[in-house]
Amino acid sequence: MLRTSLNKPQEFTITYELVPGQGCGGKRLERLLDFSRKVKEDGRIKALSITDNPGGNSALAPSAIGEELLRIGIEPLLHFSLKDKNRGQILSHIYLYQRLGLHSLLVLGGDFPRRGYYGQARPVYDLDSIQTLQLMQEMETGVYPKQKGDSPPPQLFKGCVVSPFKSTEAEQVWQYAKLLHKVRAGANFIISQLGFDLRKFRELMRFLHQYQVKLPVLANIFIPSLPVARAMAAGRVPGVLLAEDLVKQMEAEEADGRLEQARLDRAAFMIAWAKRCGYQGVHLGGNTLRFGDIQAVLDRFEALDRLPELLEKDSDYPLPKTWYFYQADGATETALKPGQRRGTVWLSALSYPLFFEQRNLSSRLFARFCLFCAQDKYRTLALTLLERAVKRLLFTCRMCGDCTLSRSAYLCPQSGCPKRLVNGPCGGSRFGFCEVHPERRCFWVRVYERLDTKTTADLAAQAHLPPKDWALEKTSSWINFFRSGQV
């Protein structure tokens, strides 16, 4: 089992990613299943992961392939994407997977939906990955829901993802802060985003050691074809950064007729190198690959693993002017440091303790006023209209009724983030710009710029925000706040 393999310190675990296409059958699916049977015969790959609508495109549900893999005798690792599931569907899927014996899940937000039937689907993102991991942990321990009857709680092996390859300080610090939240929420293992900067791979392990995170970690090793490498370098794959130097290298290899062998050798080196950096395994992926190619990569890795030394220079492709978390290594400074764009945040930060903190007389008086208004529907309406006018003018408020402005430097995630995330950004940003609207800066990068100038990964020190109660939408968050007894 994947759980057993990852928790054996002496074992180096290899997984491989399968990408189902549209439809429920056909030659593509048969090739995928044939590939899986060969994986079983070879024995070196411990689990096959199955993507869940990758790139925001609809595809065969991962549970269908998962059942096939169980019959073949291979451990399935299902991607559990949140872009199209509300909390009811999340629970329903967990029950389904438990029933089918599919216990290993990789929890991730997922790429924004693409255009489909009559246009673009409405994105969901009801829970983020932190909240979903917390839900799964509470289900396992019987905290939620309170069990009725004799149905056993689910026993899940929950993975999370992190990108150590972000190019700006704001994006990278948020990635590490969210990782610490995911670990606390109950993640059992970690898989990195794919990348080709060896120092960034090393930096992730250093970060985990510093923060005493002892979960098993898989390095994501991707084997791109030249067209896919060009697409990644151009930013057409959400969250993936690939240096132009690697594209040029692959173009030269193609001109010499050695591209196919070179990309396999590069992957084999990165696997051997990741093992020496302390990764418990690797998560392989790629396109236009046959099983024979994967066998060749693993054979080459085993040969490299016996060498006393590995030379990094021929397989390291960092981005120019990228930012590194550990400045002692000679990182390049960037212009996206915390505290550089305070704006009117000081005024908002002053009003919060004045009206919403218990120790102030003004807060207690404001609470009494709001609760007085709540006793009559006309006073409630008047207060709600006042709140809407003030907050729409200052914060572009959407009146969600469960305000989190004080946790996002007084920028509203409901209007500013396309995925409406309240616990930090997704992994889809690129050079500080949004995955969904590339012409706009990432909402959480803007938040970072308003934070205290000493902000680091200690962003994770605060408890993460729970899911929103959407029954409160279009109501007064002021009344809801004081009704909850927080003041």
Protein backbone atom coordinates (compact mmCIF):
# COMPACT_ATOMS: atom_id res chain seq x y z
CA MET A 1 0.00 0.00 0.00
CA LEU A 2 1.04 3.60 -0.59
CA ARG A 3 0.65 4.42 3.11
CA THR A 4 2.94 1.55 4.09
CA SER A 5 5.54 2.37 1.46
CA LEU A 6 5.73 6.09 2.28
CA ASN A 7 6.13 5.44 5.98
CA LYS A 8 9.07 3.08 5.57
CA PRO A 9 12.17 5.30 5.89
CA GLN A 10 14.33 2.84 3.96
CA GLU A 11 11.95 2.64 0.99
CA PHE A 12 11.95 5.07 -1.93
CA THR A 13 8.38 5.34 -3.23
CA ILE A 14 7.53 5.98 -6.88
CA THR A 15 4.08 6.98 -8.11
CA TYR A 16 2.95 7.85 -11.63
CA GLU A 17 0.17 10.15 -12.86
CA LEU A 18 -2.56 9.00 -15.24
CA VAL A 19 -4.71 11.50 -17.14
CA PRO A 20 -8.12 10.12 -18.24
CA GLY A 21 -9.68 11.77 -21.27
CA GLN A 22 -13.27 12.53 -22.17
CA GLY A 23 -15.63 9.63 -22.67
CA CYS A 24 -16.02 6.30 -20.92
CA GLY A 25 -14.08 4.08 -23.28
CA GLY A 26 -12.08 4.02 -26.49
CA LYS A 27 -8.45 3.45 -27.43
CA ARG A 28 -7.06 6.07 -25.06
CA LEU A 29 -8.62 4.38 -22.05
CA GLU A 30 -7.47 0.95 -23.25
CA ARG A 31 -3.91 2.25 -23.57
CA LEU A 32 -4.13 3.67 -20.05
CA LEU A 33 -5.29 0.34 -18.61
CA ASP A 34 -2.64 -1.55 -20.58
CA PHE A 35 -0.04 0.83 -19.14
CA SER A 36 -1.40 0.05 -15.66
CA ARG A 37 -1.10 -3.71 -16.19
CA LYS A 38 2.55 -3.28 -17.18
CA VAL A 39 3.11 -1.17 -14.06
CA LYS A 40 1.77 -4.07 -12.00
CA GLU A 41 4.11 -6.52 -13.72
CA ASP A 42 7.15 -4.28 -13.28
CA GLY A 43 6.51 -3.71 -9.57
CA ARG A 44 8.60 -0.57 -9.03
CA ILE A 45 5.71 1.93 -9.11
CA LYS A 46 3.70 1.74 -5.88
CA ALA A 47 0.62 3.75 -6.90
CA LEU A 48 -0.99 5.34 -9.93
CA SER A 49 -2.56 8.74 -9.38
CA ILE A 50 -5.63 9.73 -11.39
CA THR A 51 -6.33 13.35 -12.23
CA ASP A 52 -9.71 14.99 -11.61
CA ASN A 53 -10.70 17.22 -14.56
CA PRO A 54 -7.14 18.56 -15.07
CA GLY A 55 -6.79 22.03 -16.53
CA GLY A 56 -10.44 22.66 -15.73
CA ASN A 57 -11.53 20.36 -18.57
CA SER A 58 -14.20 17.69 -18.05
CA ALA A 59 -12.93 14.10 -18.12
CA LEU A 60 -13.83 10.63 -16.90
CA ALA A 61 -14.29 10.65 -13.10
CA PRO A 62 -11.21 9.29 -11.29
CA SER A 63 -13.24 6.77 -9.29
CA ALA A 64 -13.99 4.85 -12.51
CA ILE A 65 -10.28 4.32 -13.21
CA GLY A 66 -9.69 3.72 -9.51
CA GLU A 67 -12.00 0.70 -9.54
CA GLU A 68 -10.20 -0.67 -12.61
CA LEU A 69 -6.82 -0.27 -10.91
CA LEU A 70 -8.03 -2.13 -7.84
CA ARG A 71 -9.00 -5.05 -10.07
CA ILE A 72 -5.58 -4.96 -11.71
CA GLY A 73 -3.94 -4.91 -8.28
CA ILE A 74 -2.45 -1.38 -8.27
CA GLU A 75 -3.01 1.21 -5.54
CA PRO A 76 -5.04 4.18 -6.91
CA LEU A 77 -4.25 7.69 -5.68
CA LEU A 78 -7.28 9.81 -6.59
CA HIS A 79 -6.99 13.54 -7.11
CA PHE A 80 -9.72 15.19 -5.03
CA SER A 81 -10.38 18.51 -6.76
CA LEU A 82 -12.59 21.13 -5.09
CA LYS A 83 -13.41 23.39 -8.03
CA ASP A 84 -16.70 21.65 -8.75
CA LYS A 85 -17.75 20.22 -5.36
CA ASN A 86 -19.67 21.92 -2.61
CA ARG A 87 -19.42 20.52 0.91
CA GLY A 88 -22.37 18.18 0.31
CA GLN A 89 -20.67 16.66 -2.74
CA ILE A 90 -17.38 16.42 -0.83
CA LEU A 91 -19.08 14.30 1.83
CA SER A 92 -20.86 12.24 -0.81
CA HIS A 93 -17.60 11.52 -2.64
CA ILE A 94 -15.84 10.54 0.58
CA TYR A 95 -18.61 8.04 1.33
CA LEU A 96 -18.39 6.73 -2.25
CA TYR A 97 -14.63 6.27 -2.12
CA GLN A 98 -14.85 4.58 1.25
CA ARG A 99 -17.44 2.19 -0.15
CA LEU A 100 -15.27 1.39 -3.18
CA GLY A 101 -12.12 0.90 -1.13
CA LEU A 102 -10.40 3.99 -2.56
CA HIS A 103 -8.61 5.37 0.49
CA SER A 104 -5.69 7.43 -0.90
CA LEU A 105 -6.69 10.97 -1.91
CA LEU A 106 -4.68 13.97 -3.06
CA VAL A 107 -6.64 17.05 -1.92
CA LEU A 108 -6.24 20.12 -4.13
CA GLY A 109 -8.22 23.16 -5.16
CA GLY A 110 -8.04 22.44 -8.87
CA ASP A 111 -7.69 24.54 -11.99
CA PHE A 112 -10.42 27.05 -12.81
CA PRO A 113 -13.15 25.57 -15.06
CA ARG A 114 -12.74 26.06 -18.81
CA ARG A 115 -15.44 26.75 -21.36
CA GLY A 116 -17.78 23.83 -22.00
CA TYR A 117 -21.47 23.26 -22.62
CA TYR A 118 -23.05 26.70 -23.30
CA GLY A 119 -19.96 28.46 -22.00
CA GLN A 120 -18.05 28.34 -18.75
CA ALA A 121 -19.24 26.35 -15.75
CA ARG A 122 -19.76 28.16 -12.46
CA PRO A 123 -16.77 27.42 -10.19
CA VAL A 124 -17.59 26.12 -6.73
CA TYR A 125 -14.59 26.19 -4.34
CA ASP A 126 -17.03 25.95 -1.42
CA LEU A 127 -14.26 24.59 0.80
CA ASP A 128 -10.56 25.14 0.26
CA SER A 129 -7.95 22.40 0.63
CA ILE A 130 -7.24 23.30 4.28
CA GLN A 131 -10.91 23.17 5.25
CA THR A 132 -11.40 19.90 3.34
CA LEU A 133 -8.46 18.23 5.08
CA GLN A 134 -9.90 19.40 8.40
CA LEU A 135 -13.30 17.94 7.47
CA MET A 136 -11.72 14.61 6.55
CA GLN A 137 -9.79 14.53 9.81
CA GLU A 138 -12.97 15.24 11.80
CA MET A 139 -14.78 12.48 9.91
CA GLU A 140 -12.01 10.01 10.71
CA THR A 141 -12.10 10.83 14.41
CA GLY A 142 -15.93 10.79 14.56
CA VAL A 143 -16.22 14.48 15.41
CA TYR A 144 -18.32 15.16 12.29
CA PRO A 145 -20.88 14.01 11.50
CA LYS A 146 -21.94 12.28 14.67
CA GLN A 147 -22.20 8.70 13.53
CA LYS A 148 -25.66 7.19 13.34
CA GLY A 149 -26.05 3.45 13.04
CA ASP A 150 -23.07 1.19 12.55
CA SER A 151 -21.38 2.85 9.55
CA PRO A 152 -17.64 3.08 10.31
CA PRO A 153 -15.80 6.40 9.92
CA PRO A 154 -13.65 6.70 6.78
CA GLN A 155 -10.00 5.74 6.98
CA LEU A 156 -8.27 8.01 4.46
CA PHE A 157 -4.67 8.58 3.45
CA LYS A 158 -4.74 12.29 2.65
CA GLY A 159 -2.17 14.09 0.55
CA CYS A 160 -1.67 17.80 -0.05
CA VAL A 161 0.30 19.82 -2.58
CA VAL A 162 2.73 22.73 -2.38
CA SER A 163 4.69 24.68 -4.97
CA PRO A 164 8.25 25.58 -3.96
CA PHE A 165 8.79 27.11 -7.41
CA LYS A 166 7.07 30.50 -7.11
CA SER A 167 9.11 33.39 -8.45
CA THR A 168 8.07 36.19 -6.05
CA GLU A 169 8.32 36.53 -2.30
CA ALA A 170 4.58 36.99 -1.79
CA GLU A 171 3.62 33.84 -3.69
CA GLN A 172 6.32 31.69 -2.13
CA VAL A 173 5.67 32.73 1.46
CA TRP A 174 1.94 32.09 1.01
CA GLN A 175 2.65 28.63 -0.41
CA TYR A 176 4.71 27.65 2.63
CA ALA A 177 2.26 29.22 5.08
CA LYS A 178 -0.62 27.28 3.54
CA LEU A 179 1.45 24.10 3.65
CA LEU A 180 1.83 24.44 7.42
CA HIS A 181 -1.94 24.90 7.70
CA LYS A 182 -2.54 21.77 5.61
CA VAL A 183 -0.21 19.77 7.81
CA ARG A 184 -2.03 20.92 10.94
CA ALA A 185 -5.39 20.16 9.28
CA GLY A 186 -4.46 16.51 8.94
CA ALA A 187 -2.47 15.92 5.73
CA ASN A 188 -0.60 12.60 5.78
CA PHE A 189 1.85 13.24 2.94
CA ILE A 190 3.00 16.02 0.59
CA ILE A 191 3.56 16.18 -3.16
CA SER A 192 5.36 19.16 -4.68
CA GLN A 193 4.31 21.01 -7.82
CA LEU A 194 6.44 20.14 -10.83
CA GLY A 195 9.49 22.27 -11.52
CA PHE A 196 13.07 22.24 -12.77
CA ASP A 197 14.91 24.47 -10.24
CA LEU A 198 17.02 22.14 -8.10
CA ARG A 199 17.65 24.76 -5.45
CA LYS A 200 13.89 25.21 -5.01
CA PHE A 201 13.51 21.44 -4.54
CA ARG A 202 16.22 21.58 -1.89
CA GLU A 203 14.66 24.62 -0.26
CA LEU A 204 11.36 22.79 0.35
CA MET A 205 13.14 20.09 2.35
CA ARG A 206 15.04 22.73 4.32
CA PHE A 207 11.77 24.51 5.11
CA LEU A 208 10.10 21.31 6.34
CA HIS A 209 13.12 20.53 8.52
CA GLN A 210 13.08 24.05 10.01
CA TYR A 211 9.38 23.78 10.87
CA GLN A 212 9.75 20.19 12.10
CA VAL A 213 7.32 18.72 9.57
CA LYS A 214 8.05 15.01 9.39
CA LEU A 215 5.52 13.92 6.78
CA PRO A 216 6.75 11.95 3.74
CA VAL A 217 7.33 14.15 0.70
CA LEU A 218 7.26 13.23 -2.99
CA ALA A 219 9.09 15.38 -5.54
CA ASN A 220 7.02 15.94 -8.68
CA ILE A 221 9.19 14.95 -11.66
CA PHE A 222 7.54 15.76 -14.98
CA ILE A 223 8.83 14.64 -18.39
CA PRO A 224 7.52 17.17 -20.93
CA SER A 225 7.51 16.88 -24.68
CA LEU A 226 8.79 19.94 -26.52
CA PRO A 227 5.28 21.33 -27.32
CA VAL A 228 4.23 20.94 -23.69
CA ALA A 229 7.46 22.57 -22.48
CA ARG A 230 6.75 25.53 -24.76
CA ALA A 231 3.18 25.77 -23.41
CA MET A 232 4.46 25.69 -19.82
CA ALA A 233 7.08 28.36 -20.51
CA ALA A 234 4.38 30.52 -22.10
CA GLY A 235 2.15 30.22 -19.00
CA ARG A 236 -0.58 28.08 -20.58
CA VAL A 237 -0.48 25.49 -17.77
CA PRO A 238 -1.82 26.96 -14.49
CA GLY A 239 0.73 27.25 -11.70
CA VAL A 240 3.66 25.78 -13.66
CA LEU A 241 6.84 27.77 -14.26
CA LEU A 242 9.36 26.53 -16.81
CA ALA A 243 12.48 28.44 -17.81
CA GLU A 244 13.07 29.41 -21.43
CA ASP A 245 16.57 27.95 -21.05
CA LEU A 246 15.07 24.47 -20.80
CA VAL A 247 12.96 25.05 -23.92
CA LYS A 248 16.08 26.16 -25.82
CA GLN A 249 17.95 23.11 -24.55
CA MET A 250 15.16 20.81 -25.74
CA GLU A 251 15.04 22.56 -29.12
CA ALA A 252 18.77 21.96 -29.53
CA GLU A 253 18.30 18.32 -28.55
CA GLU A 254 15.52 17.93 -31.10
CA ALA A 255 17.72 19.41 -33.81
CA ASP A 256 20.40 16.84 -32.95
CA GLY A 257 17.90 13.97 -32.92
CA ARG A 258 18.49 13.16 -29.25
CA LEU A 259 15.50 14.81 -27.55
CA GLU A 260 13.67 11.60 -26.57
CA GLN A 261 16.70 10.11 -24.84
CA ALA A 262 17.74 13.42 -23.28
CA ARG A 263 14.39 14.09 -21.61
CA LEU A 264 14.37 10.58 -20.13
CA ASP A 265 17.96 10.97 -18.87
CA ARG A 266 17.04 14.34 -17.34
CA ALA A 267 14.15 12.77 -15.45
CA ALA A 268 16.33 9.90 -14.21
CA PHE A 269 18.90 12.38 -12.88
CA MET A 270 16.22 14.39 -11.09
CA ILE A 271 14.86 11.26 -9.40
CA ALA A 272 18.32 10.28 -8.17
CA TRP A 273 19.00 13.84 -7.08
CA ALA A 274 15.67 14.12 -5.20
CA LYS A 275 16.47 10.93 -3.32
CA ARG A 276 19.77 12.39 -2.12
CA CYS A 277 17.99 15.57 -1.01
CA GLY A 278 15.87 13.55 1.42
CA TYR A 279 12.63 13.10 -0.52
CA GLN A 280 10.83 9.87 0.38
CA GLY A 281 9.95 9.34 -3.26
CA VAL A 282 8.92 10.92 -6.54
CA HIS A 283 5.67 11.52 -8.35
CA LEU A 284 6.29 10.95 -12.06
CA GLY A 285 4.28 12.35 -14.93
CA GLY A 286 4.63 13.26 -18.57
CA ASN A 287 3.06 13.17 -21.98
CA THR A 288 3.64 11.02 -25.10
CA LEU A 289 5.27 8.39 -22.86
CA ARG A 290 5.05 4.64 -23.26
CA PHE A 291 5.67 2.25 -20.42
CA GLY A 292 8.99 1.34 -22.02
CA ASP A 293 10.07 4.97 -21.56
CA ILE A 294 9.24 4.80 -17.85
CA GLN A 295 11.16 1.54 -17.52
CA ALA A 296 14.17 3.21 -19.15
CA VAL A 297 13.93 6.15 -16.73
CA LEU A 298 13.78 3.87 -13.70
CA ASP A 299 16.66 1.72 -14.97
CA ARG A 300 18.78 4.82 -15.52
CA PHE A 301 17.83 6.15 -12.08
CA GLU A 302 18.97 2.92 -10.43
CA ALA A 303 22.33 3.21 -12.22
CA LEU A 304 22.75 6.87 -11.19
CA ASP A 305 21.79 6.03 -7.63
CA ARG A 306 24.92 3.90 -7.34
CA LEU A 307 27.24 6.77 -8.33
CA PRO A 308 29.13 8.55 -5.53
CA GLU A 309 28.34 12.03 -6.91
CA LEU A 310 25.80 13.71 -9.21
CA LEU A 311 26.54 16.83 -11.28
CA GLU A 312 23.70 19.34 -11.10
CA LYS A 313 24.73 21.81 -13.79
CA ASP A 314 23.25 19.91 -16.73
CA SER A 315 19.81 19.42 -15.14
CA ASP A 316 19.18 22.67 -13.27
CA TYR A 317 16.93 25.26 -14.92
CA PRO A 318 16.07 28.10 -12.51
CA LEU A 319 14.00 31.07 -13.60
CA PRO A 320 15.84 34.40 -13.95
CA LYS A 321 15.41 36.78 -11.00
CA THR A 322 13.46 34.28 -8.93
CA TRP A 323 13.08 34.75 -5.18
CA TYR A 324 14.31 32.17 -2.67
CA PHE A 325 12.97 31.72 0.83
CA TYR A 326 16.44 31.37 2.36
CA GLN A 327 18.19 34.62 1.56
CA ALA A 328 21.51 33.41 2.96
CA ASP A 329 21.94 31.44 -0.26
CA GLY A 330 22.21 34.64 -2.28
CA ALA A 331 18.64 35.20 -3.42
CA THR A 332 17.54 37.95 -5.77
CA GLU A 333 15.45 40.63 -4.10
CA THR A 334 12.04 41.43 -5.57
CA ALA A 335 9.63 44.36 -5.30
CA LEU A 336 6.78 42.43 -3.71
CA LYS A 337 7.79 42.64 -0.07
CA PRO A 338 5.21 42.97 2.73
CA GLY A 339 4.26 46.44 3.90
CA GLN A 340 5.12 48.28 0.69
CA ARG A 341 1.56 49.22 -0.24
CA ARG A 342 -0.28 50.06 2.94
CA GLY A 343 -2.95 52.13 1.22
CA THR A 344 -5.84 52.84 3.59
CA VAL A 345 -5.32 49.64 5.54
CA TRP A 346 -4.28 51.63 8.62
CA LEU A 347 -7.69 53.33 8.74
CA SER A 348 -9.52 50.01 8.46
CA ALA A 349 -7.23 48.40 11.03
CA LEU A 350 -7.99 51.24 13.41
CA SER A 351 -11.75 50.88 13.00
CA TYR A 352 -11.74 47.14 13.76
CA PRO A 353 -10.55 47.40 17.40
CA LEU A 354 -12.68 50.50 17.82
CA PHE A 355 -15.94 48.70 16.93
CA PHE A 356 -15.33 44.96 17.10
CA GLU A 357 -13.05 44.19 20.05
CA GLN A 358 -14.45 43.46 23.48
CA ARG A 359 -12.07 45.55 25.54
CA ASN A 360 -13.35 48.86 24.15
CA LEU A 361 -16.39 50.75 25.40
CA SER A 362 -17.06 51.80 21.80
CA SER A 363 -17.20 48.12 20.75
CA ARG A 364 -19.69 47.26 23.46
CA LEU A 365 -21.87 50.25 22.56
CA PHE A 366 -21.77 49.36 18.86
CA ALA A 367 -22.69 45.77 19.71
CA ARG A 368 -25.73 46.94 21.67
CA PHE A 369 -26.76 49.18 18.79
CA CYS A 370 -26.50 46.34 16.22
CA LEU A 371 -28.37 43.89 18.43
CA PHE A 372 -31.04 46.55 19.04
CA CYS A 373 -31.45 46.95 15.27
CA ALA A 374 -31.69 43.16 14.91
CA GLN A 375 -34.86 43.11 17.03
CA ASP A 376 -36.96 44.80 14.32
CA LYS A 377 -37.05 44.00 10.64
CA TYR A 378 -37.12 47.64 9.57
CA ARG A 379 -34.16 48.57 11.78
CA THR A 380 -32.38 45.46 10.49
CA LEU A 381 -33.03 46.54 6.91
CA ALA A 382 -31.79 50.07 7.60
CA LEU A 383 -28.59 48.80 9.24
CA THR A 384 -28.01 46.31 6.43
CA LEU A 385 -28.39 49.04 3.81
CA LEU A 386 -25.99 51.26 5.74
CA GLU A 387 -23.43 48.45 6.01
CA ARG A 388 -23.79 47.65 2.32
CA ALA A 389 -23.24 51.27 1.29
CA VAL A 390 -20.18 51.74 3.52
CA LYS A 391 -18.50 48.43 2.71
CA ARG A 392 -19.28 48.47 -0.99
CA LEU A 393 -17.69 51.89 -1.28
CA LEU A 394 -14.60 50.99 0.77
CA PHE A 395 -14.12 47.29 0.02
CA THR A 396 -16.29 46.37 -3.02
CA CYS A 397 -18.27 44.24 -0.56
CA ARG A 398 -20.48 41.38 -1.80
CA MET A 399 -22.43 41.13 1.50
CA CYS A 400 -21.56 37.52 2.22
CA GLY A 401 -22.78 38.04 5.81
CA ASP A 402 -19.64 36.39 7.23
CA CYS A 403 -16.99 39.07 6.86
CA THR A 404 -13.29 38.14 6.88
CA LEU A 405 -11.84 41.53 5.90
CA SER A 406 -9.66 41.76 8.99
CA ARG A 407 -7.85 38.56 7.95
CA SER A 408 -7.04 39.74 4.43
CA ALA A 409 -5.64 43.22 5.09
CA TYR A 410 -9.06 44.77 4.41
CA LEU A 411 -9.30 43.53 0.85
CA CYS A 412 -12.40 41.44 0.13
CA PRO A 413 -11.71 37.91 -1.18
CA GLN A 414 -15.33 37.51 -2.27
CA SER A 415 -14.93 40.28 -4.83
CA GLY A 416 -11.16 40.21 -5.37
CA CYS A 417 -10.33 36.50 -5.74
CA PRO A 418 -12.04 34.57 -8.60
CA LYS A 419 -11.99 31.42 -6.43
CA ARG A 420 -13.15 33.36 -3.33
CA LEU A 421 -10.44 31.75 -1.18
CA VAL A 422 -10.22 33.00 2.41
CA ASN A 423 -7.11 31.17 3.66
CA GLY A 424 -4.55 32.31 1.12
CA PRO A 425 -4.00 31.81 -2.60
CA CYS A 426 -4.30 28.82 -4.87
CA GLY A 427 -1.22 27.52 -6.68
CA GLY A 428 -2.22 28.86 -10.09
CA SER A 429 -0.60 32.31 -10.00
CA ARG A 430 2.32 33.19 -12.26
CA PHE A 431 4.87 35.93 -11.56
CA GLY A 432 2.42 37.44 -9.07
CA PHE A 433 -0.51 37.50 -11.50
CA CYS A 434 -3.85 35.70 -11.29
CA GLU A 435 -4.46 32.30 -12.92
CA VAL A 436 -7.97 33.28 -14.03
CA HIS A 437 -7.32 36.91 -15.01
CA PRO A 438 -3.64 37.07 -16.07
CA GLU A 439 -3.84 40.83 -16.53
CA ARG A 440 -4.57 41.27 -12.79
CA ARG A 441 -2.22 40.79 -9.89
CA CYS A 442 -3.10 37.87 -7.65
CA PHE A 443 -5.47 38.98 -4.88
CA TRP A 444 -3.32 37.38 -2.17
CA VAL A 445 -0.17 39.04 -3.51
CA ARG A 446 -1.95 42.34 -2.97
CA VAL A 447 -2.84 41.23 0.54
CA TYR A 448 0.79 40.34 1.24
CA GLU A 449 1.93 43.79 0.22
CA ARG A 450 -0.30 45.30 2.94
CA LEU A 451 0.91 43.07 5.76
CA ASP A 452 3.44 43.85 8.44
CA THR A 453 6.95 44.35 7.07
CA LYS A 454 8.26 41.44 9.19
CA THR A 455 5.79 38.94 7.74
CA THR A 456 7.21 35.49 6.92
CA ALA A 457 5.75 31.99 6.93
CA ASP A 458 4.47 32.93 10.41
CA LEU A 459 1.34 33.80 8.45
CA ALA A 460 0.45 30.24 9.45
CA ALA A 461 0.50 31.11 13.15
CA GLN A 462 -3.18 32.12 13.14
CA ALA A 463 -5.86 29.47 12.98
CA HIS A 464 -7.28 29.01 9.51
CA LEU A 465 -10.76 30.37 8.82
CA PRO A 466 -13.63 27.85 8.81
CA PRO A 467 -16.01 27.46 5.87
CA LYS A 468 -18.55 30.19 5.28
CA ASP A 469 -22.17 29.75 6.28
CA TRP A 470 -23.93 30.72 3.04
CA ALA A 471 -27.28 30.97 4.83
CA LEU A 472 -25.97 34.36 5.99
CA GLU A 473 -25.48 35.75 2.47
CA LYS A 474 -26.99 39.24 1.91
CA THR A 475 -27.49 39.73 5.65
CA SER A 476 -25.65 42.12 7.96
CA SER A 477 -22.25 40.74 9.00
CA TRP A 478 -22.25 43.29 11.84
CA ILE A 479 -25.38 41.77 13.36
CA ASN A 480 -24.14 38.24 12.66
CA PHE A 481 -20.81 39.00 14.34
CA PHE A 482 -22.38 40.23 17.56
CA ARG A 483 -25.06 37.54 17.56
CA SER A 484 -22.29 34.95 17.54
CA GLY A 485 -21.13 36.28 20.92
CA GLN A 486 -17.65 37.32 19.75
CA VAL A 487 -18.03 40.62 21.66
